[in-house]
Structure formats: structure tokens, C-alpha cells
Amino acid sequence: MRKLKKGKKFSRKRNQRKALIKSLSAELFLHERIRTTEAKAKELRRFAEKFITWAKKGDLASRRYLLRYFQKKLVKKLIDEIGPRFKQRQGGYTRIIKLGPRKSDGAKIAIIELLK
């Protein structure tokens, strides 16, 4: 029996999808709140929560893992500020707020933000 693969493709090739998620998560961690389409927000949530879980550990291995995806400055913010903020929380670090359709093309828009 065929099983479906996880995640959305967004009509992009693998490396383009990877770059999209990487840049969206970097912006989310930098600004702690971004506005994007609902589908991208839902897909971003999967990856952002994994990165925050790595940042919560705060050891050398997790720092090296995060450096594969983000710049030093952002990894420092993740480990020093964002990770400790969620130390007591067991997941669910983000919130998605649905805004409604965009006027130009009707795409569903949402805000994804980190919880306080």
C-alpha cells in the first residue's frame, strides 16, 4: 500500500523547498513573528519547533547542528534567548493566527509567531 510523504511541495524542487523553509525559519527566529501563507506557516511550524528543541539543549552538538542551517548570530540568539525561554515547555512553541484571504490572489494568509 502506498503511503503519502510528509510535507508540502509548494511546486518547488527539493533544494528550493529547503531554502524556503530555511529562510522562513531564520526570519521567524529573528523577528519572532512573520506573515506568510497558511500552508507555508503550517509547514514552517514542523521545522521551527525542531530547531527550538535543539536550541533548548544548548550543548556543543546542538550548536553545531544549528550552524548547518543558520548564521552564527542567529544560532547565538536561538541558544541564548529563545531556547531558555521554552525550557519548561514540552513542545508547542509557535502559534498560527489565520487572517483570511489575500486580495490579489485569494491565498489564505496567516501570522506565525513564537510564544512568550
PDB file of N, CA and C in Angstrom:
ATOM      1  N   MET A   1       0.838  -1.189   0.000  1.00  0.00           N
ATOM      2  CA  MET A   1       0.000   0.000   0.000  1.00  0.00           C
ATOM      3  C   MET A   1       0.881   1.250   0.000  1.00  0.00           C
ATOM      4  N   ARG A   2       0.586   2.181  -0.899  1.00  0.00           N
ATOM      5  CA  ARG A   2       1.371   3.411  -0.974  1.00  0.00           C
ATOM      6  C   ARG A   2       1.036   4.324   0.188  1.00  0.00           C
ATOM      7  N   LYS A   3       2.043   4.906   0.734  1.00  0.00           N
ATOM      8  CA  LYS A   3       1.863   5.884   1.813  1.00  0.00           C
ATOM      9  C   LYS A   3       2.266   7.255   1.296  1.00  0.00           C
ATOM     10  N   LEU A   4       1.604   8.271   1.759  1.00  0.00           N
ATOM     11  CA  LEU A   4       1.953   9.621   1.350  1.00  0.00           C
ATOM     12  C   LEU A   4       3.184  10.100   2.099  1.00  0.00           C
ATOM     13  N   LYS A   5       3.975  10.920   1.451  1.00  0.00           N
ATOM     14  CA  LYS A   5       5.153  11.511   2.086  1.00  0.00           C
ATOM     15  C   LYS A   5       4.711  12.682   2.941  1.00  0.00           C
ATOM     16  N   LYS A   6       5.492  12.972   3.976  1.00  0.00           N
ATOM     17  CA  LYS A   6       5.176  14.115   4.831  1.00  0.00           C
ATOM     18  C   LYS A   6       5.537  15.415   4.141  1.00  0.00           C
ATOM     19  N   GLY A   7       4.803  16.448   4.447  1.00  0.00           N
ATOM     20  CA  GLY A   7       5.166  17.782   3.996  1.00  0.00           C
ATOM     21  C   GLY A   7       4.584  18.166   2.651  1.00  0.00           C
ATOM     22  N   LYS A   8       4.575  19.458   2.411  1.00  0.00           N
ATOM     23  CA  LYS A   8       4.082  20.029   1.161  1.00  0.00           C
ATOM     24  C   LYS A   8       5.245  20.261   0.209  1.00  0.00           C
ATOM     25  N   LYS A   9       4.948  20.289  -1.087  1.00  0.00           N
ATOM     26  CA  LYS A   9       5.998  20.504  -2.079  1.00  0.00           C
ATOM     27  C   LYS A   9       6.076  21.946  -2.546  1.00  0.00           C
ATOM     28  N   PHE A  10       4.979  22.689  -2.476  1.00  0.00           N
ATOM     29  CA  PHE A  10       4.928  24.090  -2.893  1.00  0.00           C
ATOM     30  C   PHE A  10       5.376  24.282  -4.340  1.00  0.00           C
ATOM     31  N   SER A  11       5.194  23.296  -5.184  1.00  0.00           N
ATOM     32  CA  SER A  11       5.602  23.346  -6.599  1.00  0.00           C
ATOM     33  C   SER A  11       7.056  23.749  -6.764  1.00  0.00           C
ATOM     34  N   ARG A  12       7.901  23.256  -5.883  1.00  0.00           N
ATOM     35  CA  ARG A  12       9.334  23.570  -5.935  1.00  0.00           C
ATOM     36  C   ARG A  12      10.136  22.275  -5.897  1.00  0.00           C
ATOM     37  N   LYS A  13      11.368  22.360  -6.360  1.00  0.00           N
ATOM     38  CA  LYS A  13      12.271  21.226  -6.246  1.00  0.00           C
ATOM     39  C   LYS A  13      12.809  21.159  -4.828  1.00  0.00           C
ATOM     40  N   ARG A  14      13.465  20.074  -4.506  1.00  0.00           N
ATOM     41  CA  ARG A  14      13.907  19.809  -3.139  1.00  0.00           C
ATOM     42  C   ARG A  14      14.787  20.921  -2.573  1.00  0.00           C
ATOM     43  N   ASN A  15      15.792  21.358  -3.333  1.00  0.00           N
ATOM     44  CA  ASN A  15      16.706  22.369  -2.816  1.00  0.00           C
ATOM     45  C   ASN A  15      16.005  23.722  -2.655  1.00  0.00           C
ATOM     46  N   GLN A  16      15.039  24.017  -3.511  1.00  0.00           N
ATOM     47  CA  GLN A  16      14.287  25.266  -3.383  1.00  0.00           C
ATOM     48  C   GLN A  16      13.370  25.237  -2.168  1.00  0.00           C
ATOM     49  N   ARG A  17      12.744  24.072  -1.921  1.00  0.00           N
ATOM     50  CA  ARG A  17      11.896  23.913  -0.722  1.00  0.00           C
ATOM     51  C   ARG A  17      12.718  24.076   0.535  1.00  0.00           C
ATOM     52  N   LYS A  18      13.889  23.458   0.532  1.00  0.00           N
ATOM     53  CA  LYS A  18      14.781  23.514   1.686  1.00  0.00           C
ATOM     54  C   LYS A  18      15.211  24.958   1.961  1.00  0.00           C
ATOM     55  N   ALA A  19      15.531  25.704   0.894  1.00  0.00           N
ATOM     56  CA  ALA A  19      15.924  27.101   1.041  1.00  0.00           C
ATOM     57  C   ALA A  19      14.761  27.948   1.542  1.00  0.00           C
ATOM     58  N   LEU A  20      13.554  27.650   1.081  1.00  0.00           N
ATOM     59  CA  LEU A  20      12.372  28.383   1.522  1.00  0.00           C
ATOM     60  C   LEU A  20      12.149  28.202   3.019  1.00  0.00           C
ATOM     61  N   ILE A  21      12.180  26.973   3.484  1.00  0.00           N
ATOM     62  CA  ILE A  21      11.969  26.685   4.906  1.00  0.00           C
ATOM     63  C   ILE A  21      13.090  27.298   5.741  1.00  0.00           C
ATOM     64  N   LYS A  22      14.303  27.202   5.245  1.00  0.00           N
ATOM     65  CA  LYS A  22      15.453  27.760   5.952  1.00  0.00           C
ATOM     66  C   LYS A  22      15.317  29.272   6.124  1.00  0.00           C
ATOM     67  N   SER A  23      14.943  29.973   5.050  1.00  0.00           N
ATOM     68  CA  SER A  23      14.829  31.429   5.132  1.00  0.00           C
ATOM     69  C   SER A  23      13.621  31.850   5.967  1.00  0.00           C
ATOM     70  N   LEU A  24      12.504  31.123   5.844  1.00  0.00           N
ATOM     71  CA  LEU A  24      11.331  31.450   6.659  1.00  0.00           C
ATOM     72  C   LEU A  24      11.610  31.252   8.146  1.00  0.00           C
ATOM     73  N   SER A  25      12.292  30.170   8.487  1.00  0.00           N
ATOM     74  CA  SER A  25      12.591  29.931   9.900  1.00  0.00           C
ATOM     75  C   SER A  25      13.607  30.936  10.432  1.00  0.00           C
ATOM     76  N   ALA A  26      14.570  31.347   9.603  1.00  0.00           N
ATOM     77  CA  ALA A  26      15.522  32.367  10.040  1.00  0.00           C
ATOM     78  C   ALA A  26      14.801  33.681  10.323  1.00  0.00           C
ATOM     79  N   GLU A  27      13.871  34.069   9.460  1.00  0.00           N
ATOM     80  CA  GLU A  27      13.101  35.298   9.674  1.00  0.00           C
ATOM     81  C   GLU A  27      12.222  35.181  10.916  1.00  0.00           C
ATOM     82  N   LEU A  28      11.644  34.006  11.124  1.00  0.00           N
ATOM     83  CA  LEU A  28      10.800  33.795  12.308  1.00  0.00           C
ATOM     84  C   LEU A  28      11.614  33.958  13.585  1.00  0.00           C
ATOM     85  N   PHE A  29      12.800  33.373  13.627  1.00  0.00           N
ATOM     86  CA  PHE A  29      13.625  33.467  14.831  1.00  0.00           C
ATOM     87  C   PHE A  29      14.186  34.875  15.022  1.00  0.00           C
ATOM     88  N   LEU A  30      14.431  35.570  13.934  1.00  0.00           N
ATOM     89  CA  LEU A  30      14.970  36.920  14.011  1.00  0.00           C
ATOM     90  C   LEU A  30      13.913  37.916  14.481  1.00  0.00           C
ATOM     91  N   HIS A  31      12.719  37.853  13.879  1.00  0.00           N
ATOM     92  CA  HIS A  31      11.663  38.822  14.184  1.00  0.00           C
ATOM     93  C   HIS A  31      10.623  38.297  15.163  1.00  0.00           C
ATOM     94  N   GLU A  32      10.606  36.977  15.402  1.00  0.00           N
ATOM     95  CA  GLU A  32       9.705  36.270  16.306  1.00  0.00           C
ATOM     96  C   GLU A  32       8.243  36.324  15.879  1.00  0.00           C
ATOM     97  N   ARG A  33       7.972  36.876  14.701  1.00  0.00           N
ATOM     98  CA  ARG A  33       6.614  36.929  14.171  1.00  0.00           C
ATOM     99  C   ARG A  33       6.699  37.282  12.687  1.00  0.00           C
ATOM    100  N   ILE A  34       6.115  36.444  11.820  1.00  0.00           N
ATOM    101  CA  ILE A  34       6.114  36.749  10.396  1.00  0.00           C
ATOM    102  C   ILE A  34       4.727  36.493   9.818  1.00  0.00           C
ATOM    103  N   ARG A  35       4.467  37.137   8.686  1.00  0.00           N
ATOM    104  CA  ARG A  35       3.200  36.978   7.977  1.00  0.00           C
ATOM    105  C   ARG A  35       3.479  36.247   6.672  1.00  0.00           C
ATOM    106  N   THR A  36       2.787  35.144   6.455  1.00  0.00           N
ATOM    107  CA  THR A  36       3.007  34.323   5.266  1.00  0.00           C
ATOM    108  C   THR A  36       1.709  33.598   4.929  1.00  0.00           C
ATOM    109  N   THR A  37       1.740  32.725   3.936  1.00  0.00           N
ATOM    110  CA  THR A  37       0.530  31.970   3.616  1.00  0.00           C
ATOM    111  C   THR A  37       0.310  30.890   4.674  1.00  0.00           C
ATOM    112  N   GLU A  38      -0.918  30.462   4.772  1.00  0.00           N
ATOM    113  CA  GLU A  38      -1.281  29.480   5.789  1.00  0.00           C
ATOM    114  C   GLU A  38      -0.545  28.155   5.586  1.00  0.00           C
ATOM    115  N   ALA A  39      -0.428  27.706   4.342  1.00  0.00           N
ATOM    116  CA  ALA A  39       0.251  26.444   4.054  1.00  0.00           C
ATOM    117  C   ALA A  39       1.732  26.520   4.438  1.00  0.00           C
ATOM    118  N   LYS A  40       2.387  27.648   4.116  1.00  0.00           N
ATOM    119  CA  LYS A  40       3.793  27.800   4.476  1.00  0.00           C
ATOM    120  C   LYS A  40       3.960  27.882   5.981  1.00  0.00           C
ATOM    121  N   ALA A  41       3.030  28.520   6.674  1.00  0.00           N
ATOM    122  CA  ALA A  41       3.102  28.630   8.132  1.00  0.00           C
ATOM    123  C   ALA A  41       2.986  27.253   8.778  1.00  0.00           C
ATOM    124  N   LYS A  42       2.079  26.439   8.273  1.00  0.00           N
ATOM    125  CA  LYS A  42       1.903  25.099   8.838  1.00  0.00           C
ATOM    126  C   LYS A  42       3.129  24.226   8.605  1.00  0.00           C
ATOM    127  N   GLU A  43       3.727  24.353   7.435  1.00  0.00           N
ATOM    128  CA  GLU A  43       4.929  23.581   7.135  1.00  0.00           C
ATOM    129  C   GLU A  43       6.117  24.105   7.939  1.00  0.00           C
ATOM    130  N   LEU A  44       6.195  25.408   8.088  1.00  0.00           N
ATOM    131  CA  LEU A  44       7.278  26.027   8.860  1.00  0.00           C
ATOM    132  C   LEU A  44       7.235  25.598  10.314  1.00  0.00           C
ATOM    133  N   ARG A  45       6.049  25.441  10.855  1.00  0.00           N
ATOM    134  CA  ARG A  45       5.899  25.051  12.262  1.00  0.00           C
ATOM    135  C   ARG A  45       6.634  23.746  12.560  1.00  0.00           C
ATOM    136  N   ARG A  46       6.541  22.768  11.631  1.00  0.00           N
ATOM    137  CA  ARG A  46       7.211  21.480  11.836  1.00  0.00           C
ATOM    138  C   ARG A  46       8.704  21.650  12.059  1.00  0.00           C
ATOM    139  N   PHE A  47       9.325  22.487  11.232  1.00  0.00           N
ATOM    140  CA  PHE A  47      10.771  22.645  11.294  1.00  0.00           C
ATOM    141  C   PHE A  47      11.195  23.572  12.429  1.00  0.00           C
ATOM    142  N   ALA A  48      10.463  24.650  12.631  1.00  0.00           N
ATOM    143  CA  ALA A  48      10.819  25.630  13.660  1.00  0.00           C
ATOM    144  C   ALA A  48      10.807  24.983  15.042  1.00  0.00           C
ATOM    145  N   GLU A  49       9.841  24.133  15.298  1.00  0.00           N
ATOM    146  CA  GLU A  49       9.762  23.505  16.613  1.00  0.00           C
ATOM    147  C   GLU A  49      10.919  22.533  16.830  1.00  0.00           C
ATOM    148  N   LYS A  50      11.370  21.887  15.778  1.00  0.00           N
ATOM    149  CA  LYS A  50      12.535  21.007  15.910  1.00  0.00           C
ATOM    150  C   LYS A  50      13.794  21.813  16.202  1.00  0.00           C
ATOM    151  N   PHE A  51      13.943  22.962  15.516  1.00  0.00           N
ATOM    152  CA  PHE A  51      15.111  23.810  15.765  1.00  0.00           C
ATOM    153  C   PHE A  51      15.104  24.346  17.196  1.00  0.00           C
ATOM    154  N   ILE A  52      13.947  24.704  17.714  1.00  0.00           N
ATOM    155  CA  ILE A  52      13.868  25.213  19.085  1.00  0.00           C
ATOM    156  C   ILE A  52      14.208  24.108  20.078  1.00  0.00           C
ATOM    157  N   THR A  53      13.780  22.894  19.794  1.00  0.00           N
ATOM    158  CA  THR A  53      14.116  21.775  20.674  1.00  0.00           C
ATOM    159  C   THR A  53      15.628  21.565  20.712  1.00  0.00           C
ATOM    160  N   TRP A  54      16.297  21.700  19.564  1.00  0.00           N
ATOM    161  CA  TRP A  54      17.763  21.610  19.539  1.00  0.00           C
ATOM    162  C   TRP A  54      18.365  22.753  20.341  1.00  0.00           C
ATOM    163  N   ALA A  55      17.799  23.943  20.205  1.00  0.00           N
ATOM    164  CA  ALA A  55      18.341  25.107  20.911  1.00  0.00           C
ATOM    165  C   ALA A  55      18.163  24.974  22.419  1.00  0.00           C
ATOM    166  N   LYS A  56      17.129  24.287  22.864  1.00  0.00           N
ATOM    167  CA  LYS A  56      16.900  24.094  24.297  1.00  0.00           C
ATOM    168  C   LYS A  56      18.019  23.295  24.938  1.00  0.00           C
ATOM    169  N   LYS A  57      18.586  22.349  24.197  1.00  0.00           N
ATOM    170  CA  LYS A  57      19.676  21.538  24.746  1.00  0.00           C
ATOM    171  C   LYS A  57      20.884  22.407  25.042  1.00  0.00           C
ATOM    172  N   GLY A  58      21.249  23.261  24.097  1.00  0.00           N
ATOM    173  CA  GLY A  58      22.303  24.241  24.312  1.00  0.00           C
ATOM    174  C   GLY A  58      23.721  23.698  24.382  1.00  0.00           C
ATOM    175  N   ASP A  59      23.946  22.433  24.067  1.00  0.00           N
ATOM    176  CA  ASP A  59      25.301  21.887  24.136  1.00  0.00           C
ATOM    177  C   ASP A  59      26.030  22.108  22.803  1.00  0.00           C
ATOM    178  N   LEU A  60      27.249  21.656  22.737  1.00  0.00           N
ATOM    179  CA  LEU A  60      28.085  21.869  21.562  1.00  0.00           C
ATOM    180  C   LEU A  60      27.512  21.168  20.327  1.00  0.00           C
ATOM    181  N   ALA A  61      26.989  19.962  20.518  1.00  0.00           N
ATOM    182  CA  ALA A  61      26.437  19.218  19.386  1.00  0.00           C
ATOM    183  C   ALA A  61      25.241  19.942  18.787  1.00  0.00           C
ATOM    184  N   SER A  62      24.376  20.480  19.624  1.00  0.00           N
ATOM    185  CA  SER A  62      23.213  21.194  19.100  1.00  0.00           C
ATOM    186  C   SER A  62      23.624  22.504  18.441  1.00  0.00           C
ATOM    187  N   ARG A  63      24.644  23.159  18.977  1.00  0.00           N
ATOM    188  CA  ARG A  63      25.147  24.389  18.357  1.00  0.00           C
ATOM    189  C   ARG A  63      25.685  24.086  16.957  1.00  0.00           C
ATOM    190  N   ARG A  64      26.438  22.996  16.813  1.00  0.00           N
ATOM    191  CA  ARG A  64      26.984  22.611  15.510  1.00  0.00           C
ATOM    192  C   ARG A  64      25.875  22.215  14.538  1.00  0.00           C
ATOM    193  N   TYR A  65      24.851  21.543  15.054  1.00  0.00           N
ATOM    194  CA  TYR A  65      23.716  21.167  14.212  1.00  0.00           C
ATOM    195  C   TYR A  65      23.018  22.411  13.675  1.00  0.00           C
ATOM    196  N   LEU A  66      22.770  23.395  14.531  1.00  0.00           N
ATOM    197  CA  LEU A  66      22.088  24.617  14.120  1.00  0.00           C
ATOM    198  C   LEU A  66      22.945  25.458  13.176  1.00  0.00           C
ATOM    199  N   LEU A  67      24.263  25.386  13.319  1.00  0.00           N
ATOM    200  CA  LEU A  67      25.156  26.136  12.436  1.00  0.00           C
ATOM    201  C   LEU A  67      25.111  25.615  10.999  1.00  0.00           C
ATOM    202  N   ARG A  68      24.619  24.390  10.811  1.00  0.00           N
ATOM    203  CA  ARG A  68      24.450  23.862   9.460  1.00  0.00           C
ATOM    204  C   ARG A  68      23.334  24.591   8.715  1.00  0.00           C
ATOM    205  N   TYR A  69      22.410  25.196   9.463  1.00  0.00           N
ATOM    206  CA  TYR A  69      21.256  25.842   8.856  1.00  0.00           C
ATOM    207  C   TYR A  69      21.277  27.364   8.945  1.00  0.00           C
ATOM    208  N   PHE A  70      21.868  27.919  10.010  1.00  0.00           N
ATOM    209  CA  PHE A  70      21.770  29.354  10.260  1.00  0.00           C
ATOM    210  C   PHE A  70      23.140  29.980  10.486  1.00  0.00           C
ATOM    211  N   GLN A  71      23.184  31.320  10.416  1.00  0.00           N
ATOM    212  CA  GLN A  71      24.410  32.054  10.667  1.00  0.00           C
ATOM    213  C   GLN A  71      24.706  32.070  12.171  1.00  0.00           C
ATOM    214  N   LYS A  72      25.969  32.382  12.508  1.00  0.00           N
ATOM    215  CA  LYS A  72      26.408  32.367  13.905  1.00  0.00           C
ATOM    216  C   LYS A  72      25.561  33.274  14.795  1.00  0.00           C
ATOM    217  N   LYS A  73      25.251  34.464  14.284  1.00  0.00           N
ATOM    218  CA  LYS A  73      24.491  35.433  15.050  1.00  0.00           C
ATOM    219  C   LYS A  73      23.109  34.894  15.433  1.00  0.00           C
ATOM    220  N   LEU A  74      22.461  34.229  14.482  1.00  0.00           N
ATOM    221  CA  LEU A  74      21.139  33.677  14.725  1.00  0.00           C
ATOM    222  C   LEU A  74      21.199  32.470  15.652  1.00  0.00           C
ATOM    223  N   VAL A  75      22.233  31.649  15.506  1.00  0.00           N
ATOM    224  CA  VAL A  75      22.389  30.488  16.397  1.00  0.00           C
ATOM    225  C   VAL A  75      22.609  30.965  17.828  1.00  0.00           C
ATOM    226  N   LYS A  76      23.376  32.039  17.990  1.00  0.00           N
ATOM    227  CA  LYS A  76      23.599  32.603  19.318  1.00  0.00           C
ATOM    228  C   LYS A  76      22.281  33.061  19.932  1.00  0.00           C
ATOM    229  N   LYS A  77      21.439  33.721  19.132  1.00  0.00           N
ATOM    230  CA  LYS A  77      20.138  34.163  19.631  1.00  0.00           C
ATOM    231  C   LYS A  77      19.261  32.969  19.988  1.00  0.00           C
ATOM    232  N   LEU A  78      19.294  31.946  19.145  1.00  0.00           N
ATOM    233  CA  LEU A  78      18.491  30.746  19.405  1.00  0.00           C
ATOM    234  C   LEU A  78      18.880  30.097  20.729  1.00  0.00           C
ATOM    235  N   ILE A  79      20.177  29.916  20.948  1.00  0.00           N
ATOM    236  CA  ILE A  79      20.639  29.193  22.131  1.00  0.00           C
ATOM    237  C   ILE A  79      20.589  30.050  23.389  1.00  0.00           C
ATOM    238  N   ASP A  80      20.899  31.348  23.271  1.00  0.00           N
ATOM    239  CA  ASP A  80      20.961  32.206  24.455  1.00  0.00           C
ATOM    240  C   ASP A  80      19.623  32.803  24.864  1.00  0.00           C
ATOM    241  N   GLU A  81      18.730  33.082  23.891  1.00  0.00           N
ATOM    242  CA  GLU A  81      17.472  33.751  24.223  1.00  0.00           C
ATOM    243  C   GLU A  81      16.250  32.841  24.056  1.00  0.00           C
ATOM    244  N   ILE A  82      16.096  32.265  22.869  1.00  0.00           N
ATOM    245  CA  ILE A  82      14.875  31.521  22.558  1.00  0.00           C
ATOM    246  C   ILE A  82      14.833  30.171  23.270  1.00  0.00           C
ATOM    247  N   GLY A  83      15.954  29.453  23.293  1.00  0.00           N
ATOM    248  CA  GLY A  83      15.992  28.143  23.951  1.00  0.00           C
ATOM    249  C   GLY A  83      15.613  28.195  25.430  1.00  0.00           C
ATOM    250  N   PRO A  84      16.268  29.063  26.228  1.00  0.00           N
ATOM    251  CA  PRO A  84      15.917  29.136  27.650  1.00  0.00           C
ATOM    252  C   PRO A  84      14.480  29.584  27.914  1.00  0.00           C
ATOM    253  N   ARG A  85      13.909  30.363  26.999  1.00  0.00           N
ATOM    254  CA  ARG A  85      12.533  30.823  27.183  1.00  0.00           C
ATOM    255  C   ARG A  85      11.552  29.649  27.221  1.00  0.00           C
ATOM    256  N   PHE A  86      11.864  28.585  26.464  1.00  0.00           N
ATOM    257  CA  PHE A  86      10.971  27.435  26.372  1.00  0.00           C
ATOM    258  C   PHE A  86      11.480  26.230  27.169  1.00  0.00           C
ATOM    259  N   LYS A  87      12.369  26.450  28.124  1.00  0.00           N
ATOM    260  CA  LYS A  87      12.984  25.357  28.869  1.00  0.00           C
ATOM    261  C   LYS A  87      11.937  24.466  29.555  1.00  0.00           C
ATOM    262  N   GLN A  88      10.891  25.073  30.122  1.00  0.00           N
ATOM    263  CA  GLN A  88       9.870  24.308  30.848  1.00  0.00           C
ATOM    264  C   GLN A  88       8.760  23.772  29.945  1.00  0.00           C
ATOM    265  N   ARG A  89       8.722  24.200  28.703  1.00  0.00           N
ATOM    266  CA  ARG A  89       7.640  23.813  27.794  1.00  0.00           C
ATOM    267  C   ARG A  89       8.030  22.558  27.013  1.00  0.00           C
ATOM    268  N   GLN A  90       7.097  21.633  26.866  1.00  0.00           N
ATOM    269  CA  GLN A  90       7.353  20.365  26.196  1.00  0.00           C
ATOM    270  C   GLN A  90       6.826  20.355  24.758  1.00  0.00           C
ATOM    271  N   GLY A  91       7.058  21.417  24.022  1.00  0.00           N
ATOM    272  CA  GLY A  91       6.578  21.492  22.647  1.00  0.00           C
ATOM    273  C   GLY A  91       5.521  22.575  22.524  1.00  0.00           C
ATOM    274  N   GLY A  92       5.070  22.826  21.309  1.00  0.00           N
ATOM    275  CA  GLY A  92       4.067  23.859  21.079  1.00  0.00           C
ATOM    276  C   GLY A  92       4.647  25.248  21.283  1.00  0.00           C
ATOM    277  N   TYR A  93       5.725  25.563  20.575  1.00  0.00           N
ATOM    278  CA  TYR A  93       6.423  26.828  20.771  1.00  0.00           C
ATOM    279  C   TYR A  93       5.888  27.929  19.860  1.00  0.00           C
ATOM    280  N   THR A  94       5.063  27.572  18.884  1.00  0.00           N
ATOM    281  CA  THR A  94       4.590  28.557  17.915  1.00  0.00           C
ATOM    282  C   THR A  94       3.063  28.635  17.930  1.00  0.00           C
ATOM    283  N   ARG A  95       2.564  29.751  17.410  1.00  0.00           N
ATOM    284  CA  ARG A  95       1.124  29.972  17.291  1.00  0.00           C
ATOM    285  C   ARG A  95       0.858  30.456  15.867  1.00  0.00           C
ATOM    286  N   ILE A  96      -0.194  29.916  15.257  1.00  0.00           N
ATOM    287  CA  ILE A  96      -0.602  30.350  13.926  1.00  0.00           C
ATOM    288  C   ILE A  96      -1.954  31.046  14.047  1.00  0.00           C
ATOM    289  N   ILE A  97      -2.004  32.294  13.584  1.00  0.00           N
ATOM    290  CA  ILE A  97      -3.236  33.075  13.599  1.00  0.00           C
ATOM    291  C   ILE A  97      -3.661  33.275  12.152  1.00  0.00           C
ATOM    292  N   LYS A  98      -4.858  32.800  11.809  1.00  0.00           N
ATOM    293  CA  LYS A  98      -5.347  32.899  10.432  1.00  0.00           C
ATOM    294  C   LYS A  98      -5.974  34.273  10.208  1.00  0.00           C
ATOM    295  N   LEU A  99      -5.608  34.910   9.096  1.00  0.00           N
ATOM    296  CA  LEU A  99      -6.064  36.270   8.813  1.00  0.00           C
ATOM    297  C   LEU A  99      -7.140  36.350   7.738  1.00  0.00           C
ATOM    298  N   GLY A 100      -7.218  35.402   6.846  1.00  0.00           N
ATOM    299  CA  GLY A 100      -8.180  35.464   5.757  1.00  0.00           C
ATOM    300  C   GLY A 100      -7.475  35.539   4.419  1.00  0.00           C
ATOM    301  N   PRO A 101      -8.246  35.671   3.342  1.00  0.00           N
ATOM    302  CA  PRO A 101      -7.648  35.648   2.003  1.00  0.00           C
ATOM    303  C   PRO A 101      -6.944  36.951   1.639  1.00  0.00           C
ATOM    304  N   ARG A 102      -5.892  36.820   0.831  1.00  0.00           N
ATOM    305  CA  ARG A 102      -5.179  37.968   0.291  1.00  0.00           C
ATOM    306  C   ARG A 102      -5.996  38.509  -0.891  1.00  0.00           C
ATOM    307  N   LYS A 103      -6.045  39.829  -1.035  1.00  0.00           N
ATOM    308  CA  LYS A 103      -6.883  40.437  -2.082  1.00  0.00           C
ATOM    309  C   LYS A 103      -6.420  40.083  -3.491  1.00  0.00           C
ATOM    310  N   SER A 104      -5.119  40.076  -3.721  1.00  0.00           N
ATOM    311  CA  SER A 104      -4.616  39.917  -5.081  1.00  0.00           C
ATOM    312  C   SER A 104      -4.907  38.536  -5.676  1.00  0.00           C
ATOM    313  N   ASP A 105      -4.609  37.473  -4.929  1.00  0.00           N
ATOM    314  CA  ASP A 105      -4.787  36.138  -5.496  1.00  0.00           C
ATOM    315  C   ASP A 105      -5.656  35.212  -4.647  1.00  0.00           C
ATOM    316  N   GLY A 106      -6.149  35.695  -3.526  1.00  0.00           N
ATOM    317  CA  GLY A 106      -7.051  34.895  -2.710  1.00  0.00           C
ATOM    318  C   GLY A 106      -6.374  33.850  -1.850  1.00  0.00           C
ATOM    319  N   ALA A 107      -5.050  33.898  -1.741  1.00  0.00           N
ATOM    320  CA  ALA A 107      -4.333  32.925  -0.918  1.00  0.00           C
ATOM    321  C   ALA A 107      -4.634  33.185   0.566  1.00  0.00           C
ATOM    322  N   LYS A 108      -4.787  32.119   1.341  1.00  0.00           N
ATOM    323  CA  LYS A 108      -5.066  32.260   2.776  1.00  0.00           C
ATOM    324  C   LYS A 108      -3.798  32.739   3.473  1.00  0.00           C
ATOM    325  N   ILE A 109      -3.929  33.804   4.236  1.00  0.00           N
ATOM    326  CA  ILE A 109      -2.777  34.413   4.913  1.00  0.00           C
ATOM    327  C   ILE A 109      -2.864  34.112   6.403  1.00  0.00           C
ATOM    328  N   ALA A 110      -1.699  33.935   7.021  1.00  0.00           N
ATOM    329  CA  ALA A 110      -1.621  33.661   8.454  1.00  0.00           C
ATOM    330  C   ALA A 110      -0.387  34.329   9.039  1.00  0.00           C
ATOM    331  N   ILE A 111      -0.438  34.535  10.348  1.00  0.00           N
ATOM    332  CA  ILE A 111       0.719  35.019  11.094  1.00  0.00           C
ATOM    333  C   ILE A 111       1.210  33.860  11.933  1.00  0.00           C
ATOM    334  N   ILE A 112       2.502  33.589  11.871  1.00  0.00           N
ATOM    335  CA  ILE A 112       3.100  32.584  12.743  1.00  0.00           C
ATOM    336  C   ILE A 112       4.035  33.310  13.677  1.00  0.00           C
ATOM    337  N   GLU A 113       3.939  33.015  14.972  1.00  0.00           N
ATOM    338  CA  GLU A 113       4.740  33.715  15.962  1.00  0.00           C
ATOM    339  C   GLU A 113       5.211  32.763  17.044  1.00  0.00           C
ATOM    340  N   LEU A 114       6.303  33.141  17.677  1.00  0.00           N
ATOM    341  CA  LEU A 114       6.799  32.384  18.817  1.00  0.00           C
ATOM    342  C   LEU A 114       6.025  32.816  20.054  1.00  0.00           C
ATOM    343  N   LEU A 115       5.713  31.869  20.914  1.00  0.00           N
ATOM    344  CA  LEU A 115       5.007  32.204  22.152  1.00  0.00           C
ATOM    345  C   LEU A 115       5.966  32.896  23.114  1.00  0.00           C
ATOM    346  N   LYS A 116       5.437  33.604  24.050  1.00  0.00           N
ATOM    347  CA  LYS A 116       6.268  34.307  25.028  1.00  0.00           C
ATOM    348  C   LYS A 116       6.716  33.396  26.096  1.00  0.00           C
TER     349      LYS A 116
END
